[in-house]
């Protein structure tokens, strides 16, 4: 695992490598230590679950990747946890967007 740090010494990223390729879950952090994003990798390519959070730890984005491409549904939230839209992808191409309304 390779870790990088902010100038103040706080953890910035954690990334696993196997045979010089990123593998497993790579994590990125805010300077305050809270988790910013998690990206799944397979053989050096984004593959699997991707999640991103606001600094207040509310989920911001959740989606799936396959071979570095967005696939299936990607859900976006506001800073209070309210779903604001869902995007649907096929082979990294946006095919439909559904906005969420109250």
PDB file of N, CA and C in Angstrom:
ATOM      1  N   UNK A   1       0.850  -1.176   0.000  1.00  0.00           N
ATOM      2  CA  UNK A   1       0.000   0.000   0.000  1.00  0.00           C
ATOM      3  C   UNK A   1       0.896   1.240   0.000  1.00  0.00           C
ATOM      4  N   UNK A   2       0.486   2.219  -0.786  1.00  0.00           N
ATOM      5  CA  UNK A   2       1.192   3.499  -0.827  1.00  0.00           C
ATOM      6  C   UNK A   2       0.250   4.555  -0.265  1.00  0.00           C
ATOM      7  N   UNK A   3       0.750   5.335   0.668  1.00  0.00           N
ATOM      8  CA  UNK A   3      -0.030   6.408   1.283  1.00  0.00           C
ATOM      9  C   UNK A   3       0.625   7.743   0.968  1.00  0.00           C
ATOM     10  N   UNK A   4      -0.210   8.763   0.763  1.00  0.00           N
ATOM     11  CA  UNK A   4       0.290  10.127   0.619  1.00  0.00           C
ATOM     12  C   UNK A   4      -0.332  10.965   1.727  1.00  0.00           C
ATOM     13  N   UNK A   5       0.321  12.098   2.030  1.00  0.00           N
ATOM     14  CA  UNK A   5      -0.093  12.901   3.173  1.00  0.00           C
ATOM     15  C   UNK A   5      -0.157  14.376   2.807  1.00  0.00           C
ATOM     16  N   UNK A   6      -1.056  15.085   3.471  1.00  0.00           N
ATOM     17  CA  UNK A   6      -1.104  16.541   3.366  1.00  0.00           C
ATOM     18  C   UNK A   6       0.133  17.123   4.052  1.00  0.00           C
ATOM     19  N   UNK A   7       0.428  18.387   3.775  1.00  0.00           N
ATOM     20  CA  UNK A   7       1.601  19.034   4.377  1.00  0.00           C
ATOM     21  C   UNK A   7       1.579  18.975   5.898  1.00  0.00           C
ATOM     22  N   UNK A   8       0.400  19.011   6.496  1.00  0.00           N
ATOM     23  CA  UNK A   8       0.287  18.959   7.948  1.00  0.00           C
ATOM     24  C   UNK A   8       0.431  17.565   8.530  1.00  0.00           C
ATOM     25  N   UNK A   9       0.621  16.554   7.669  1.00  0.00           N
ATOM     26  CA  UNK A   9       0.823  15.186   8.140  1.00  0.00           C
ATOM     27  C   UNK A   9      -0.413  14.309   8.108  1.00  0.00           C
ATOM     28  N   UNK A  10      -1.577  14.875   7.777  1.00  0.00           N
ATOM     29  CA  UNK A  10      -2.797  14.083   7.730  1.00  0.00           C
ATOM     30  C   UNK A  10      -2.813  13.218   6.462  1.00  0.00           C
ATOM     31  N   UNK A  11      -3.388  12.046   6.592  1.00  0.00           N
ATOM     32  CA  UNK A  11      -3.491  11.107   5.478  1.00  0.00           C
ATOM     33  C   UNK A  11      -4.317  11.705   4.345  1.00  0.00           C
ATOM     34  N   UNK A  12      -3.802  11.641   3.098  1.00  0.00           N
ATOM     35  CA  UNK A  12      -4.507  12.153   1.922  1.00  0.00           C
ATOM     36  C   UNK A  12      -5.050  11.013   1.058  1.00  0.00           C
ATOM     37  N   UNK A  13      -4.223  10.004   0.771  1.00  0.00           N
ATOM     38  CA  UNK A  13      -4.660   8.877  -0.060  1.00  0.00           C
ATOM     39  C   UNK A  13      -4.047   7.576   0.436  1.00  0.00           C
ATOM     40  N   UNK A  14      -4.752   6.476   0.152  1.00  0.00           N
ATOM     41  CA  UNK A  14      -4.248   5.122   0.379  1.00  0.00           C
ATOM     42  C   UNK A  14      -4.556   4.328  -0.886  1.00  0.00           C
ATOM     43  N   UNK A  15      -3.515   3.756  -1.486  1.00  0.00           N
ATOM     44  CA  UNK A  15      -3.688   3.036  -2.739  1.00  0.00           C
ATOM     45  C   UNK A  15      -2.896   1.736  -2.690  1.00  0.00           C
ATOM     46  N   UNK A  16      -3.552   0.634  -3.063  1.00  0.00           N
ATOM     47  CA  UNK A  16      -2.903  -0.676  -3.123  1.00  0.00           C
ATOM     48  C   UNK A  16      -2.409  -0.947  -4.536  1.00  0.00           C
ATOM     49  N   UNK A  17      -1.234  -1.553  -4.626  1.00  0.00           N
ATOM     50  CA  UNK A  17      -0.663  -1.919  -5.921  1.00  0.00           C
ATOM     51  C   UNK A  17      -0.310  -3.398  -5.923  1.00  0.00           C
ATOM     52  N   UNK A  18      -0.473  -4.011  -7.085  1.00  0.00           N
ATOM     53  CA  UNK A  18      -0.018  -5.377  -7.298  1.00  0.00           C
ATOM     54  C   UNK A  18       0.571  -5.424  -8.702  1.00  0.00           C
ATOM     55  N   UNK A  19       1.823  -5.832  -8.814  1.00  0.00           N
ATOM     56  CA  UNK A  19       2.523  -5.848 -10.107  1.00  0.00           C
ATOM     57  C   UNK A  19       2.453  -4.482 -10.786  1.00  0.00           C
ATOM     58  N   UNK A  20       2.684  -3.429 -10.021  1.00  0.00           N
ATOM     59  CA  UNK A  20       2.692  -2.039 -10.504  1.00  0.00           C
ATOM     60  C   UNK A  20       1.336  -1.538 -11.001  1.00  0.00           C
ATOM     61  N   UNK A  21       0.257  -2.247 -10.701  1.00  0.00           N
ATOM     62  CA  UNK A  21      -1.093  -1.822 -11.091  1.00  0.00           C
ATOM     63  C   UNK A  21      -1.925  -1.582  -9.839  1.00  0.00           C
ATOM     64  N   UNK A  22      -2.741  -0.529  -9.863  1.00  0.00           N
ATOM     65  CA  UNK A  22      -3.642  -0.270  -8.738  1.00  0.00           C
ATOM     66  C   UNK A  22      -4.637  -1.419  -8.650  1.00  0.00           C
ATOM     67  N   UNK A  23      -4.856  -1.901  -7.437  1.00  0.00           N
ATOM     68  CA  UNK A  23      -5.798  -2.994  -7.230  1.00  0.00           C
ATOM     69  C   UNK A  23      -6.536  -2.796  -5.912  1.00  0.00           C
ATOM     70  N   UNK A  24      -7.753  -3.301  -5.841  1.00  0.00           N
ATOM     71  CA  UNK A  24      -8.534  -3.164  -4.616  1.00  0.00           C
ATOM     72  C   UNK A  24      -9.152  -1.785  -4.495  1.00  0.00           C
ATOM     73  N   UNK A  25      -9.345  -1.351  -3.271  1.00  0.00           N
ATOM     74  CA  UNK A  25     -10.024  -0.078  -3.021  1.00  0.00           C
ATOM     75  C   UNK A  25      -9.001   1.015  -2.722  1.00  0.00           C
ATOM     76  N   UNK A  26      -9.069   2.084  -3.494  1.00  0.00           N
ATOM     77  CA  UNK A  26      -8.240   3.268  -3.276  1.00  0.00           C
ATOM     78  C   UNK A  26      -9.088   4.292  -2.527  1.00  0.00           C
ATOM     79  N   UNK A  27      -8.513   4.900  -1.495  1.00  0.00           N
ATOM     80  CA  UNK A  27      -9.253   5.859  -0.672  1.00  0.00           C
ATOM     81  C   UNK A  27      -8.589   7.226  -0.714  1.00  0.00           C
ATOM     82  N   UNK A  28      -9.430   8.257  -0.740  1.00  0.00           N
ATOM     83  CA  UNK A  28      -8.965   9.640  -0.684  1.00  0.00           C
ATOM     84  C   UNK A  28      -9.652  10.306   0.505  1.00  0.00           C
ATOM     85  N   UNK A  29      -8.909  11.155   1.223  1.00  0.00           N
ATOM     86  CA  UNK A  29      -9.421  11.779   2.436  1.00  0.00           C
ATOM     87  C   UNK A  29      -9.391  13.299   2.330  1.00  0.00           C
ATOM     88  N   UNK A  30     -10.309  13.932   3.067  1.00  0.00           N
ATOM     89  CA  UNK A  30     -10.243  15.375   3.258  1.00  0.00           C
ATOM     90  C   UNK A  30      -9.138  15.670   4.269  1.00  0.00           C
ATOM     91  N   UNK A  31      -8.699  16.904   4.302  1.00  0.00           N
ATOM     92  CA  UNK A  31      -7.624  17.278   5.221  1.00  0.00           C
ATOM     93  C   UNK A  31      -8.036  17.106   6.683  1.00  0.00           C
ATOM     94  N   UNK A  32      -9.351  17.152   6.966  1.00  0.00           N
ATOM     95  CA  UNK A  32      -9.815  16.960   8.342  1.00  0.00           C
ATOM     96  C   UNK A  32      -9.856  15.482   8.742  1.00  0.00           C
ATOM     97  N   UNK A  33      -9.487  14.581   7.820  1.00  0.00           N
ATOM     98  CA  UNK A  33      -9.434  13.153   8.124  1.00  0.00           C
ATOM     99  C   UNK A  33     -10.652  12.370   7.686  1.00  0.00           C
ATOM    100  N   UNK A  34     -11.720  13.046   7.294  1.00  0.00           N
ATOM    101  CA  UNK A  34     -12.917  12.321   6.863  1.00  0.00           C
ATOM    102  C   UNK A  34     -12.737  11.795   5.438  1.00  0.00           C
ATOM    103  N   UNK A  35     -13.401  10.695   5.158  1.00  0.00           N
ATOM    104  CA  UNK A  35     -13.283  10.025   3.869  1.00  0.00           C
ATOM    105  C   UNK A  35     -13.921  10.858   2.769  1.00  0.00           C
ATOM    106  N   UNK A  36     -13.201  11.055   1.663  1.00  0.00           N
ATOM    107  CA  UNK A  36     -13.684  11.831   0.522  1.00  0.00           C
ATOM    108  C   UNK A  36     -14.196  10.921  -0.589  1.00  0.00           C
ATOM    109  N   UNK A  37     -13.460   9.839  -0.897  1.00  0.00           N
ATOM    110  CA  UNK A  37     -13.904   8.931  -1.956  1.00  0.00           C
ATOM    111  C   UNK A  37     -13.281   7.555  -1.798  1.00  0.00           C
ATOM    112  N   UNK A  38     -13.970   6.563  -2.358  1.00  0.00           N
ATOM    113  CA  UNK A  38     -13.472   5.198  -2.471  1.00  0.00           C
ATOM    114  C   UNK A  38     -13.692   4.756  -3.910  1.00  0.00           C
ATOM    115  N   UNK A  39     -12.631   4.252  -4.521  1.00  0.00           N
ATOM    116  CA  UNK A  39     -12.704   3.778  -5.897  1.00  0.00           C
ATOM    117  C   UNK A  39     -12.163   2.362  -5.948  1.00  0.00           C
ATOM    118  N   UNK A  40     -12.930   1.445  -6.538  1.00  0.00           N
ATOM    119  CA  UNK A  40     -12.479   0.059  -6.694  1.00  0.00           C
ATOM    120  C   UNK A  40     -11.696  -0.085  -7.991  1.00  0.00           C
ATOM    121  N   UNK A  41     -10.596  -0.830  -7.913  1.00  0.00           N
ATOM    122  CA  UNK A  41      -9.744  -1.069  -9.081  1.00  0.00           C
ATOM    123  C   UNK A  41      -9.535  -2.565  -9.284  1.00  0.00           C
ATOM    124  N   UNK A  42      -9.382  -2.931 -10.540  1.00  0.00           N
ATOM    125  CA  UNK A  42      -9.054  -4.301 -10.913  1.00  0.00           C
ATOM    126  C   UNK A  42      -8.072  -4.223 -12.077  1.00  0.00           C
ATOM    127  N   UNK A  43      -6.884  -4.778 -11.900  1.00  0.00           N
ATOM    128  CA  UNK A  43      -5.836  -4.752 -12.930  1.00  0.00           C
ATOM    129  C   UNK A  43      -5.546  -3.335 -13.426  1.00  0.00           C
ATOM    130  N   UNK A  44      -5.512  -2.364 -12.502  1.00  0.00           N
ATOM    131  CA  UNK A  44      -5.156  -0.996 -12.841  1.00  0.00           C
ATOM    132  C   UNK A  44      -6.264  -0.155 -13.432  1.00  0.00           C
ATOM    133  N   UNK A  45      -7.459  -0.717 -13.536  1.00  0.00           N
ATOM    134  CA  UNK A  45      -8.584   0.022 -14.119  1.00  0.00           C
ATOM    135  C   UNK A  45      -9.704   0.143 -13.093  1.00  0.00           C
ATOM    136  N   UNK A  46     -10.433   1.261 -13.155  1.00  0.00           N
ATOM    137  CA  UNK A  46     -11.571   1.447 -12.254  1.00  0.00           C
ATOM    138  C   UNK A  46     -12.624   0.399 -12.591  1.00  0.00           C
ATOM    139  N   UNK A  47     -12.971  -0.396 -11.573  1.00  0.00           N
ATOM    140  CA  UNK A  47     -13.906  -1.490 -11.802  1.00  0.00           C
ATOM    141  C   UNK A  47     -14.609  -1.817 -10.486  1.00  0.00           C
ATOM    142  N   UNK A  48     -15.907  -1.613 -10.449  1.00  0.00           N
ATOM    143  CA  UNK A  48     -16.663  -1.866  -9.231  1.00  0.00           C
ATOM    144  C   UNK A  48     -17.243  -0.581  -8.672  1.00  0.00           C
ATOM    145  N   UNK A  49     -17.479  -0.590  -7.387  1.00  0.00           N
ATOM    146  CA  UNK A  49     -18.163   0.515  -6.720  1.00  0.00           C
ATOM    147  C   UNK A  49     -17.296   1.766  -6.623  1.00  0.00           C
ATOM    148  N   UNK A  50     -17.912   2.907  -6.900  1.00  0.00           N
ATOM    149  CA  UNK A  50     -17.300   4.222  -6.673  1.00  0.00           C
ATOM    150  C   UNK A  50     -18.231   4.987  -5.748  1.00  0.00           C
ATOM    151  N   UNK A  51     -17.656   5.576  -4.699  1.00  0.00           N
ATOM    152  CA  UNK A  51     -18.449   6.405  -3.789  1.00  0.00           C
ATOM    153  C   UNK A  51     -17.664   7.653  -3.431  1.00  0.00           C
ATOM    154  N   UNK A  52     -18.421   8.747  -3.279  1.00  0.00           N
ATOM    155  CA  UNK A  52     -17.815  10.025  -2.900  1.00  0.00           C
ATOM    156  C   UNK A  52     -18.698  10.678  -1.849  1.00  0.00           C
ATOM    157  N   UNK A  53     -18.055  11.325  -0.865  1.00  0.00           N
ATOM    158  CA  UNK A  53     -18.771  11.962   0.230  1.00  0.00           C
ATOM    159  C   UNK A  53     -18.470  13.450   0.284  1.00  0.00           C
ATOM    160  N   UNK A  54     -19.422  14.195   0.837  1.00  0.00           N
ATOM    161  CA  UNK A  54     -19.166  15.587   1.191  1.00  0.00           C
ATOM    162  C   UNK A  54     -18.282  15.594   2.438  1.00  0.00           C
ATOM    163  N   UNK A  55     -17.733  16.741   2.750  1.00  0.00           N
ATOM    164  CA  UNK A  55     -16.867  16.837   3.925  1.00  0.00           C
ATOM    165  C   UNK A  55     -17.635  16.557   5.216  1.00  0.00           C
ATOM    166  N   UNK A  56     -18.964  16.753   5.210  1.00  0.00           N
ATOM    167  CA  UNK A  56     -19.783  16.459   6.393  1.00  0.00           C
ATOM    168  C   UNK A  56     -20.142  14.976   6.492  1.00  0.00           C
ATOM    169  N   UNK A  57     -19.584  14.149   5.600  1.00  0.00           N
ATOM    170  CA  UNK A  57     -19.746  12.699   5.539  1.00  0.00           C
ATOM    171  C   UNK A  57     -21.089  12.228   4.988  1.00  0.00           C
ATOM    172  N   UNK A  58     -21.884  13.132   4.440  1.00  0.00           N
ATOM    173  CA  UNK A  58     -23.081  12.727   3.699  1.00  0.00           C
ATOM    174  C   UNK A  58     -22.624  12.188   2.346  1.00  0.00           C
ATOM    175  N   UNK A  59     -23.237  11.099   1.919  1.00  0.00           N
ATOM    176  CA  UNK A  59     -22.907  10.522   0.620  1.00  0.00           C
ATOM    177  C   UNK A  59     -23.241  11.513  -0.484  1.00  0.00           C
ATOM    178  N   UNK A  60     -22.321  11.705  -1.420  1.00  0.00           N
ATOM    179  CA  UNK A  60     -22.478  12.651  -2.520  1.00  0.00           C
ATOM    180  C   UNK A  60     -22.796  11.931  -3.828  1.00  0.00           C
ATOM    181  N   UNK A  61     -22.051  10.867  -4.133  1.00  0.00           N
ATOM    182  CA  UNK A  61     -22.207  10.120  -5.384  1.00  0.00           C
ATOM    183  C   UNK A  61     -21.974   8.641  -5.106  1.00  0.00           C
ATOM    184  N   UNK A  62     -22.772   7.791  -5.744  1.00  0.00           N
ATOM    185  CA  UNK A  62     -22.541   6.345  -5.703  1.00  0.00           C
ATOM    186  C   UNK A  62     -22.808   5.793  -7.093  1.00  0.00           C
ATOM    187  N   UNK A  63     -21.860   5.010  -7.596  1.00  0.00           N
ATOM    188  CA  UNK A  63     -22.029   4.445  -8.927  1.00  0.00           C
ATOM    189  C   UNK A  63     -21.126   3.251  -9.149  1.00  0.00           C
ATOM    190  N   UNK A  64     -21.229   2.678 -10.336  1.00  0.00           N
ATOM    191  CA  UNK A  64     -20.450   1.502 -10.718  1.00  0.00           C
ATOM    192  C   UNK A  64     -19.554   1.826 -11.906  1.00  0.00           C
ATOM    193  N   UNK A  65     -18.373   1.232 -11.893  1.00  0.00           N
ATOM    194  CA  UNK A  65     -17.428   1.368 -12.999  1.00  0.00           C
ATOM    195  C   UNK A  65     -17.114  -0.029 -13.535  1.00  0.00           C
ATOM    196  N   UNK A  66     -16.808  -0.097 -14.820  1.00  0.00           N
ATOM    197  CA  UNK A  66     -16.337  -1.337 -15.442  1.00  0.00           C
ATOM    198  C   UNK A  66     -15.314  -0.947 -16.501  1.00  0.00           C
ATOM    199  N   UNK A  67     -14.073  -1.338 -16.296  1.00  0.00           N
ATOM    200  CA  UNK A  67     -13.023  -1.009 -17.248  1.00  0.00           C
ATOM    201  C   UNK A  67     -12.849   0.475 -17.469  1.00  0.00           C
ATOM    202  N   UNK A  68     -12.830   1.248 -16.389  1.00  0.00           N
ATOM    203  CA  UNK A  68     -12.678   2.717 -16.412  1.00  0.00           C
ATOM    204  C   UNK A  68     -13.890   3.444 -16.970  1.00  0.00           C
ATOM    205  N   UNK A  69     -15.009   2.771 -17.163  1.00  0.00           N
ATOM    206  CA  UNK A  69     -16.198   3.408 -17.733  1.00  0.00           C
ATOM    207  C   UNK A  69     -17.355   3.359 -16.744  1.00  0.00           C
ATOM    208  N   UNK A  70     -18.150   4.433 -16.743  1.00  0.00           N
ATOM    209  CA  UNK A  70     -19.355   4.450 -15.916  1.00  0.00           C
ATOM    210  C   UNK A  70     -20.378   3.488 -16.514  1.00  0.00           C
ATOM    211  N   UNK A  71     -20.995   2.684 -15.644  1.00  0.00           N
ATOM    212  CA  UNK A  71     -22.042   1.759 -16.073  1.00  0.00           C
ATOM    213  C   UNK A  71     -23.182   1.799 -15.063  1.00  0.00           C
ATOM    214  N   UNK A  72     -24.330   1.313 -15.490  1.00  0.00           N
ATOM    215  CA  UNK A  72     -25.505   1.196 -14.626  1.00  0.00           C
ATOM    216  C   UNK A  72     -25.922   2.562 -14.076  1.00  0.00           C
ATOM    217  N   UNK A  73     -26.447   2.573 -12.866  1.00  0.00           N
ATOM    218  CA  UNK A  73     -26.982   3.825 -12.320  1.00  0.00           C
ATOM    219  C   UNK A  73     -25.960   4.520 -11.423  1.00  0.00           C
ATOM    220  N   UNK A  74     -25.949   5.846 -11.524  1.00  0.00           N
ATOM    221  CA  UNK A  74     -25.144   6.715 -10.669  1.00  0.00           C
ATOM    222  C   UNK A  74     -26.106   7.635  -9.946  1.00  0.00           C
ATOM    223  N   UNK A  75     -26.048   7.618  -8.614  1.00  0.00           N
ATOM    224  CA  UNK A  75     -26.979   8.391  -7.803  1.00  0.00           C
ATOM    225  C   UNK A  75     -26.224   9.550  -7.154  1.00  0.00           C
ATOM    226  N   UNK A  76     -26.826  10.734  -7.241  1.00  0.00           N
ATOM    227  CA  UNK A  76     -26.226  11.967  -6.717  1.00  0.00           C
ATOM    228  C   UNK A  76     -27.108  12.513  -5.597  1.00  0.00           C
ATOM    229  N   UNK A  77     -26.455  12.990  -4.528  1.00  0.00           N
ATOM    230  CA  UNK A  77     -27.154  13.501  -3.352  1.00  0.00           C
ATOM    231  C   UNK A  77     -26.681  14.919  -3.049  1.00  0.00           C
ATOM    232  N   UNK A  78     -27.535  15.672  -2.322  1.00  0.00           N
ATOM    233  CA  UNK A  78     -27.100  16.981  -1.849  1.00  0.00           C
ATOM    234  C   UNK A  78     -26.407  16.821  -0.491  1.00  0.00           C
ATOM    235  N   UNK A  79     -25.944  17.926   0.082  1.00  0.00           N
ATOM    236  CA  UNK A  79     -25.185  17.883   1.334  1.00  0.00           C
ATOM    237  C   UNK A  79     -26.001  17.419   2.532  1.00  0.00           C
ATOM    238  N   UNK A  80     -27.316  17.328   2.372  1.00  0.00           N
ATOM    239  CA  UNK A  80     -28.178  16.894   3.471  1.00  0.00           C
ATOM    240  C   UNK A  80     -28.636  15.450   3.300  1.00  0.00           C
ATOM    241  N   UNK A  81     -28.145  14.763   2.259  1.00  0.00           N
ATOM    242  CA  UNK A  81     -28.487  13.369   2.043  1.00  0.00           C
ATOM    243  C   UNK A  81     -29.694  13.144   1.160  1.00  0.00           C
ATOM    244  N   UNK A  82     -30.260  14.217   0.610  1.00  0.00           N
ATOM    245  CA  UNK A  82     -31.430  14.093  -0.266  1.00  0.00           C
ATOM    246  C   UNK A  82     -30.973  13.732  -1.682  1.00  0.00           C
ATOM    247  N   UNK A  83     -31.596  12.709  -2.258  1.00  0.00           N
ATOM    248  CA  UNK A  83     -31.257  12.312  -3.621  1.00  0.00           C
ATOM    249  C   UNK A  83     -31.711  13.399  -4.579  1.00  0.00           C
ATOM    250  N   UNK A  84     -30.805  13.856  -5.451  1.00  0.00           N
ATOM    251  CA  UNK A  84     -31.158  14.921  -6.387  1.00  0.00           C
ATOM    252  C   UNK A  84     -31.298  14.426  -7.822  1.00  0.00           C
ATOM    253  N   UNK A  85     -30.578  13.348  -8.170  1.00  0.00           N
ATOM    254  CA  UNK A  85     -30.763  12.791  -9.511  1.00  0.00           C
ATOM    255  C   UNK A  85     -30.122  11.414  -9.600  1.00  0.00           C
ATOM    256  N   UNK A  86     -30.576  10.674 -10.603  1.00  0.00           N
ATOM    257  CA  UNK A  86     -29.987   9.387 -10.944  1.00  0.00           C
ATOM    258  C   UNK A  86     -29.666   9.411 -12.426  1.00  0.00           C
ATOM    259  N   UNK A  87     -28.447   9.037 -12.762  1.00  0.00           N
ATOM    260  CA  UNK A  87     -28.038   8.955 -14.157  1.00  0.00           C
ATOM    261  C   UNK A  87     -27.817   7.487 -14.507  1.00  0.00           C
ATOM    262  N   UNK A  88     -28.196   7.117 -15.719  1.00  0.00           N
ATOM    263  CA  UNK A  88     -28.044   5.744 -16.187  1.00  0.00           C
ATOM    264  C   UNK A  88     -27.051   5.723 -17.346  1.00  0.00           C
ATOM    265  N   UNK A  89     -26.066   4.829 -17.230  1.00  0.00           N
ATOM    266  CA  UNK A  89     -24.992   4.751 -18.219  1.00  0.00           C
ATOM    267  C   UNK A  89     -24.922   3.365 -18.845  1.00  0.00           C
ATOM    268  N   UNK A  90     -24.528   3.351 -20.106  1.00  0.00           N
ATOM    269  CA  UNK A  90     -24.136   2.130 -20.798  1.00  0.00           C
ATOM    270  C   UNK A  90     -22.809   2.425 -21.467  1.00  0.00           C
ATOM    271  N   UNK A  91     -21.780   1.672 -21.099  1.00  0.00           N
ATOM    272  CA  UNK A  91     -20.459   1.821 -21.708  1.00  0.00           C
ATOM    273  C   UNK A  91     -19.972   3.274 -21.692  1.00  0.00           C
ATOM    274  N   UNK A  92     -20.124   3.917 -20.551  1.00  0.00           N
ATOM    275  CA  UNK A  92     -19.672   5.286 -20.303  1.00  0.00           C
ATOM    276  C   UNK A  92     -20.514   6.348 -21.010  1.00  0.00           C
ATOM    277  N   UNK A  93     -21.611   5.965 -21.619  1.00  0.00           N
ATOM    278  CA  UNK A  93     -22.485   6.934 -22.282  1.00  0.00           C
ATOM    279  C   UNK A  93     -23.746   7.119 -21.456  1.00  0.00           C
ATOM    280  N   UNK A  94     -24.055   8.370 -21.181  1.00  0.00           N
ATOM    281  CA  UNK A  94     -25.268   8.704 -20.440  1.00  0.00           C
ATOM    282  C   UNK A  94     -26.471   8.434 -21.329  1.00  0.00           C
ATOM    283  N   UNK A  95     -27.385   7.575 -20.842  1.00  0.00           N
ATOM    284  CA  UNK A  95     -28.564   7.258 -21.652  1.00  0.00           C
ATOM    285  C   UNK A  95     -29.845   7.850 -21.079  1.00  0.00           C
ATOM    286  N   UNK A  96     -29.824   8.206 -19.793  1.00  0.00           N
ATOM    287  CA  UNK A  96     -31.039   8.757 -19.189  1.00  0.00           C
ATOM    288  C   UNK A  96     -30.689   9.417 -17.861  1.00  0.00           C
ATOM    289  N   UNK A  97     -31.404  10.513 -17.548  1.00  0.00           N
ATOM    290  CA  UNK A  97     -31.277  11.187 -16.255  1.00  0.00           C
ATOM    291  C   UNK A  97     -32.660  11.330 -15.649  1.00  0.00           C
ATOM    292  N   UNK A  98     -32.784  10.954 -14.393  1.00  0.00           N
ATOM    293  CA  UNK A  98     -34.037  11.139 -13.655  1.00  0.00           C
ATOM    294  C   UNK A  98     -33.747  12.088 -12.503  1.00  0.00           C
ATOM    295  N   UNK A  99     -34.398  13.238 -12.495  1.00  0.00           N
ATOM    296  CA  UNK A  99     -34.234  14.192 -11.398  1.00  0.00           C
ATOM    297  C   UNK A  99     -35.229  13.858 -10.303  1.00  0.00           C
ATOM    298  N   UNK A 100     -34.817  14.072  -9.069  1.00  0.00           N
ATOM    299  CA  UNK A 100     -35.675  13.815  -7.915  1.00  0.00           C
ATOM    300  C   UNK A 100     -36.266  15.128  -7.432  1.00  0.00           C
ATOM    301  N   UNK A 101     -37.566  15.110  -7.211  1.00  0.00           N
ATOM    302  CA  UNK A 101     -38.275  16.302  -6.747  1.00  0.00           C
ATOM    303  C   UNK A 101     -39.014  15.983  -5.464  1.00  0.00           C
ATOM    304  N   UNK A 102     -39.208  16.988  -4.634  1.00  0.00           N
ATOM    305  CA  UNK A 102     -40.025  16.836  -3.414  1.00  0.00           C
ATOM    306  C   UNK A 102     -41.475  17.014  -3.737  1.00  0.00           C
TER     307      UNK A 102
END
